[in-house]
Amino acid sequence: MISSFYFVLWIAAYLLIGISGIAVLQHYAFFAAFAVVILLSRGVSSLWREPIEMRTRRDINGLLEIYYTGDFSRLCDMRRRQLWLSAASFIYMTVATVCIALAGQWIIAAIFAFFAYQTGVQTHRANAAYRSLLQAGSIPPLEGNMAEAYRRFAEVRSYRSFSELLPPPSRGEKALRIFNFVMAGLCTLIGLGFLLFFGWIVLHYGSSDTGAVINAMYGALALLYGVTDLITLIRGFNYHTPI
């Protein structure tokens, strides 16, 4: 599933817990929302398992096509986008971890610290890949399993067009595409809403508490992922165009 889906699902889980009127759930809102996100995301992924797998295969073929055609600028754009998203996530997770720890919520802080570590590792790898690409000035050879996949791809690609190598649209592909567009749009609106609310607080009260700052950062991150997902979905609207 696209990243926007999880942002929307997280907010929806909190809203459902808030209107449920169940005191226990509201007291442990973070953990309840975390459980809801895991369960619902698995359910949705199972519902659209086949189209998700087909889209993954399509995206891999799109990457291999970039290597086959030697499209250096597109690969740079892809690596740079991955770096920006990872870095933004790392900054948010790190700041949120510190703020939550200062508030004395150690278990939640530990969970955020784990995600901060994960996004930190992703950012380091994304930065290394991007810098290496810029220094090389050309597309480097693939390694490991991707190298073997590219060898098979290039062998067939030499006498067939890119569109002929793509898996056929699966049942549910159109519904999944519409669902992803809706999620990306909602994620973008949620991000804007959080930022506008933060701006309203600052304008009316002249300052904001730590919670408002964290929510504003969440909004900025949601906006970034929402817009990125929308751009990616629009680029891939034509099934036979590599993202």
Protein backbone atom coordinates (compact mmCIF):
# COMPACT_ATOMS: atom_id res chain seq x y z
CA MET A 1 0.00 0.00 0.00
CA ILE A 2 1.10 3.59 -0.59
CA SER A 3 2.42 5.59 2.37
CA SER A 4 -0.57 7.97 2.34
CA PHE A 5 -2.83 5.09 3.30
CA TYR A 6 -1.10 4.68 6.68
CA PHE A 7 -1.27 8.40 7.46
CA VAL A 8 -5.01 8.43 6.77
CA LEU A 9 -5.54 5.17 8.64
CA TRP A 10 -3.72 6.51 11.72
CA ILE A 11 -5.92 9.61 11.89
CA ALA A 12 -9.06 7.55 11.23
CA ALA A 13 -8.13 5.15 14.04
CA TYR A 14 -7.75 8.05 16.50
CA LEU A 15 -11.09 9.51 15.43
CA LEU A 16 -12.86 6.17 15.87
CA ILE A 17 -11.34 5.75 19.32
CA GLY A 18 -12.32 9.30 20.25
CA ILE A 19 -15.99 8.86 19.31
CA SER A 20 -16.22 5.31 20.68
CA GLY A 21 -16.82 6.54 24.22
CA ILE A 22 -14.85 3.57 25.57
CA ALA A 23 -12.74 4.91 28.44
CA VAL A 24 -10.11 2.18 28.30
CA LEU A 25 -9.49 2.70 24.59
CA GLN A 26 -9.31 6.44 25.02
CA HIS A 27 -6.87 6.13 27.92
CA TYR A 28 -4.58 3.92 25.83
CA ALA A 29 -5.37 5.69 22.57
CA PHE A 30 -1.89 5.38 21.06
CA PHE A 31 -1.66 1.62 21.57
CA ALA A 32 -5.27 1.07 20.46
CA ALA A 33 -4.69 3.13 17.30
CA PHE A 34 -1.46 1.23 16.64
CA ALA A 35 -3.32 -2.09 16.85
CA VAL A 36 -6.14 -0.82 14.62
CA VAL A 37 -3.66 0.35 11.97
CA ILE A 38 -1.89 -3.02 11.93
CA LEU A 39 -5.11 -5.03 11.71
CA LEU A 40 -6.82 -2.87 9.09
CA SER A 41 -3.70 -2.52 6.94
CA ARG A 42 -3.32 -6.31 6.88
CA GLY A 43 -6.98 -6.70 6.01
CA VAL A 44 -6.82 -4.23 3.14
CA SER A 45 -3.57 -5.73 1.86
CA SER A 46 -5.15 -9.20 1.88
CA LEU A 47 -8.21 -7.87 0.05
CA TRP A 48 -6.06 -6.49 -2.78
CA ARG A 49 -3.23 -8.98 -2.63
CA GLU A 50 -3.20 -9.79 -6.36
CA PRO A 51 -3.31 -6.22 -7.73
CA ILE A 52 -0.71 -5.11 -5.16
CA GLU A 53 1.62 -7.91 -6.25
CA MET A 54 1.05 -6.99 -9.92
CA ARG A 55 1.80 -3.33 -9.20
CA THR A 56 4.99 -4.34 -7.41
CA ARG A 57 6.08 -6.36 -10.43
CA ARG A 58 5.25 -3.43 -12.66
CA ASP A 59 7.32 -1.05 -10.52
CA ILE A 60 10.28 -3.44 -10.62
CA ASN A 61 10.00 -3.63 -14.40
CA GLY A 62 9.84 0.16 -14.48
CA LEU A 63 13.12 0.36 -12.54
CA LEU A 64 14.75 -2.21 -14.82
CA GLU A 65 13.58 -0.20 -17.82
CA ILE A 66 15.37 2.87 -16.44
CA TYR A 67 18.58 0.84 -16.23
CA TYR A 68 18.03 -0.64 -19.68
CA THR A 69 17.50 2.76 -21.34
CA GLY A 70 20.23 4.41 -19.27
CA ASP A 71 17.89 7.17 -18.06
CA PHE A 72 20.31 8.75 -15.59
CA SER A 73 18.18 11.81 -14.79
CA ARG A 74 15.12 9.73 -13.90
CA LEU A 75 17.15 7.48 -11.64
CA CYS A 76 18.60 10.57 -9.94
CA ASP A 77 15.08 11.91 -9.39
CA MET A 78 14.03 8.60 -7.87
CA ARG A 79 17.02 8.40 -5.52
CA ARG A 80 16.64 12.05 -4.51
CA ARG A 81 12.95 11.58 -3.74
CA GLN A 82 13.74 8.54 -1.60
CA LEU A 83 16.36 10.56 0.29
CA TRP A 84 14.00 13.47 0.97
CA LEU A 85 11.21 11.24 2.24
CA SER A 86 13.54 9.21 4.45
CA ALA A 87 15.20 12.33 5.87
CA ALA A 88 11.86 14.00 6.60
CA SER A 89 10.61 10.86 8.36
CA PHE A 90 13.81 10.60 10.39
CA ILE A 91 13.58 14.23 11.54
CA TYR A 92 9.94 13.82 12.57
CA MET A 93 10.55 10.55 14.43
CA THR A 94 13.60 11.94 16.23
CA VAL A 95 11.91 15.16 17.39
CA ALA A 96 8.77 13.25 18.39
CA THR A 97 10.86 10.76 20.39
CA VAL A 98 12.56 13.55 22.35
CA CYS A 99 9.30 15.42 23.03
CA ILE A 100 7.45 12.29 24.13
CA ALA A 101 10.35 11.23 26.36
CA LEU A 102 10.40 14.68 28.00
CA ALA A 103 6.69 14.23 28.67
CA GLY A 104 7.50 11.04 30.59
CA GLN A 105 5.74 8.61 28.23
CA TRP A 106 8.64 6.20 28.04
CA ILE A 107 6.98 3.24 26.31
CA ILE A 108 5.62 5.38 23.47
CA ALA A 109 8.99 7.16 23.28
CA ALA A 110 10.72 3.78 22.91
CA ILE A 111 8.42 2.87 20.01
CA PHE A 112 9.14 6.18 18.30
CA ALA A 113 12.86 5.71 18.98
CA PHE A 114 12.72 2.36 17.18
CA PHE A 115 11.11 3.99 14.14
CA ALA A 116 13.62 6.85 14.36
CA TYR A 117 16.42 4.30 14.19
CA GLN A 118 14.82 2.53 11.23
CA THR A 119 14.28 5.76 9.29
CA GLY A 120 17.81 6.84 10.21
CA VAL A 121 19.21 3.69 8.63
CA GLN A 122 17.02 4.24 5.55
CA THR A 123 18.21 7.84 5.29
CA HIS A 124 21.85 6.79 5.52
CA ARG A 125 21.40 4.18 2.80
CA ALA A 126 19.39 6.54 0.58
CA ASN A 127 22.03 9.26 0.95
CA ALA A 128 24.84 6.82 0.16
CA ALA A 129 23.01 5.57 -2.94
CA TYR A 130 22.27 9.09 -4.15
CA ARG A 131 25.81 10.41 -3.53
CA SER A 132 27.33 7.36 -5.18
CA LEU A 133 25.11 7.89 -8.22
CA LEU A 134 26.11 11.55 -8.51
CA GLN A 135 29.80 10.78 -8.13
CA ALA A 136 29.65 8.04 -10.76
CA GLY A 137 27.92 10.36 -13.22
CA SER A 138 26.28 7.36 -14.85
CA ILE A 139 24.03 4.46 -13.92
CA PRO A 140 26.03 1.87 -11.93
CA PRO A 141 25.54 -1.86 -12.53
CA LEU A 142 23.02 -3.69 -10.40
CA GLU A 143 24.14 -6.25 -7.86
CA GLY A 144 22.79 -9.44 -6.33
CA ASN A 145 19.30 -10.62 -7.20
CA MET A 146 18.54 -7.41 -9.11
CA ALA A 147 21.51 -8.06 -11.40
CA GLU A 148 20.09 -11.46 -12.33
CA ALA A 149 16.63 -9.96 -12.77
CA TYR A 150 18.08 -7.28 -15.05
CA ARG A 151 19.94 -9.88 -17.12
CA ARG A 152 16.70 -11.75 -17.78
CA PHE A 153 14.83 -8.49 -18.41
CA ALA A 154 17.43 -7.17 -20.88
CA GLU A 155 17.51 -10.46 -22.74
CA VAL A 156 13.79 -10.32 -23.45
CA ARG A 157 13.67 -6.53 -23.76
CA SER A 158 16.07 -6.67 -26.72
CA TYR A 159 13.29 -7.95 -28.98
CA ARG A 160 10.12 -6.84 -27.18
CA SER A 161 8.75 -3.45 -26.15
CA PHE A 162 8.51 -2.39 -22.52
CA SER A 163 4.71 -2.56 -22.53
CA GLU A 164 4.83 -6.17 -23.71
CA LEU A 165 6.90 -7.13 -20.67
CA LEU A 166 4.46 -5.76 -18.15
CA PRO A 167 2.07 -8.11 -16.37
CA PRO A 168 -1.52 -7.63 -17.55
CA PRO A 169 -3.77 -5.49 -15.35
CA SER A 170 -5.22 -7.77 -12.70
CA ARG A 171 -8.73 -7.93 -11.35
CA GLY A 172 -9.14 -5.10 -8.90
CA GLU A 173 -6.36 -2.99 -10.45
CA LYS A 174 -8.73 -0.11 -11.30
CA ALA A 175 -10.34 -0.18 -7.85
CA LEU A 176 -6.93 -0.15 -6.17
CA ARG A 177 -5.81 2.78 -8.31
CA ILE A 178 -8.90 4.79 -7.37
CA PHE A 179 -8.45 3.86 -3.70
CA ASN A 180 -4.82 5.02 -3.79
CA PHE A 181 -5.81 8.32 -5.38
CA VAL A 182 -8.39 8.87 -2.65
CA MET A 183 -5.87 8.04 0.09
CA ALA A 184 -3.22 10.34 -1.40
CA GLY A 185 -5.76 13.16 -1.70
CA LEU A 186 -6.98 12.70 1.87
CA CYS A 187 -3.41 12.52 3.16
CA THR A 188 -2.62 15.82 1.43
CA LEU A 189 -5.72 17.47 2.90
CA ILE A 190 -4.95 16.12 6.37
CA GLY A 191 -1.43 17.52 6.14
CA LEU A 192 -2.74 20.92 5.09
CA GLY A 193 -5.34 20.81 7.86
CA PHE A 194 -2.74 20.12 10.54
CA LEU A 195 -0.50 22.93 9.30
CA LEU A 196 -3.36 25.44 9.05
CA PHE A 197 -4.53 24.56 12.55
CA PHE A 198 -1.01 25.04 13.88
CA GLY A 199 -0.80 28.41 12.13
CA TRP A 200 -4.14 29.41 13.66
CA ILE A 201 -2.88 28.53 17.16
CA VAL A 202 0.28 30.58 16.70
CA LEU A 203 -1.63 33.58 15.31
CA HIS A 204 -4.26 33.57 18.08
CA TYR A 205 -2.12 32.60 21.08
CA GLY A 206 1.33 33.75 20.01
CA SER A 207 2.90 30.41 20.97
CA SER A 208 2.24 26.70 20.90
CA ASP A 209 2.91 23.72 23.13
CA THR A 210 5.02 20.70 22.32
CA GLY A 211 2.01 18.65 21.23
CA ALA A 212 1.02 21.28 18.67
CA VAL A 213 4.54 21.34 17.26
CA ILE A 214 4.57 17.55 16.88
CA ASN A 215 1.16 17.67 15.17
CA ALA A 216 2.42 20.39 12.82
CA MET A 217 5.43 18.23 11.92
CA TYR A 218 3.09 15.28 11.37
CA GLY A 219 1.04 17.51 9.07
CA ALA A 220 4.11 18.55 7.10
CA LEU A 221 5.16 14.91 6.74
CA ALA A 222 1.66 13.86 5.67
CA LEU A 223 1.57 16.68 3.13
CA LEU A 224 4.95 15.65 1.73
CA TYR A 225 3.96 11.99 1.38
CA GLY A 226 0.51 12.85 0.05
CA VAL A 227 1.83 15.10 -2.70
CA THR A 228 4.60 12.62 -3.55
CA ASP A 229 2.10 9.76 -3.83
CA LEU A 230 -0.19 11.88 -6.01
CA ILE A 231 2.67 12.73 -8.37
CA THR A 232 3.74 9.08 -8.53
CA LEU A 233 0.17 7.92 -9.21
CA ILE A 234 -0.34 10.53 -11.92
CA ARG A 235 2.93 9.55 -13.58
CA GLY A 236 1.89 5.91 -13.53
CA PHE A 237 -1.66 6.58 -14.71
CA ASN A 238 -0.75 5.12 -18.05
CA TYR A 239 -0.12 1.49 -17.20
CA HIS A 240 2.56 1.23 -19.89
CA THR A 241 4.68 4.14 -18.64
CA PRO A 242 7.48 3.39 -16.15
CA ILE A 243 7.21 5.46 -12.95
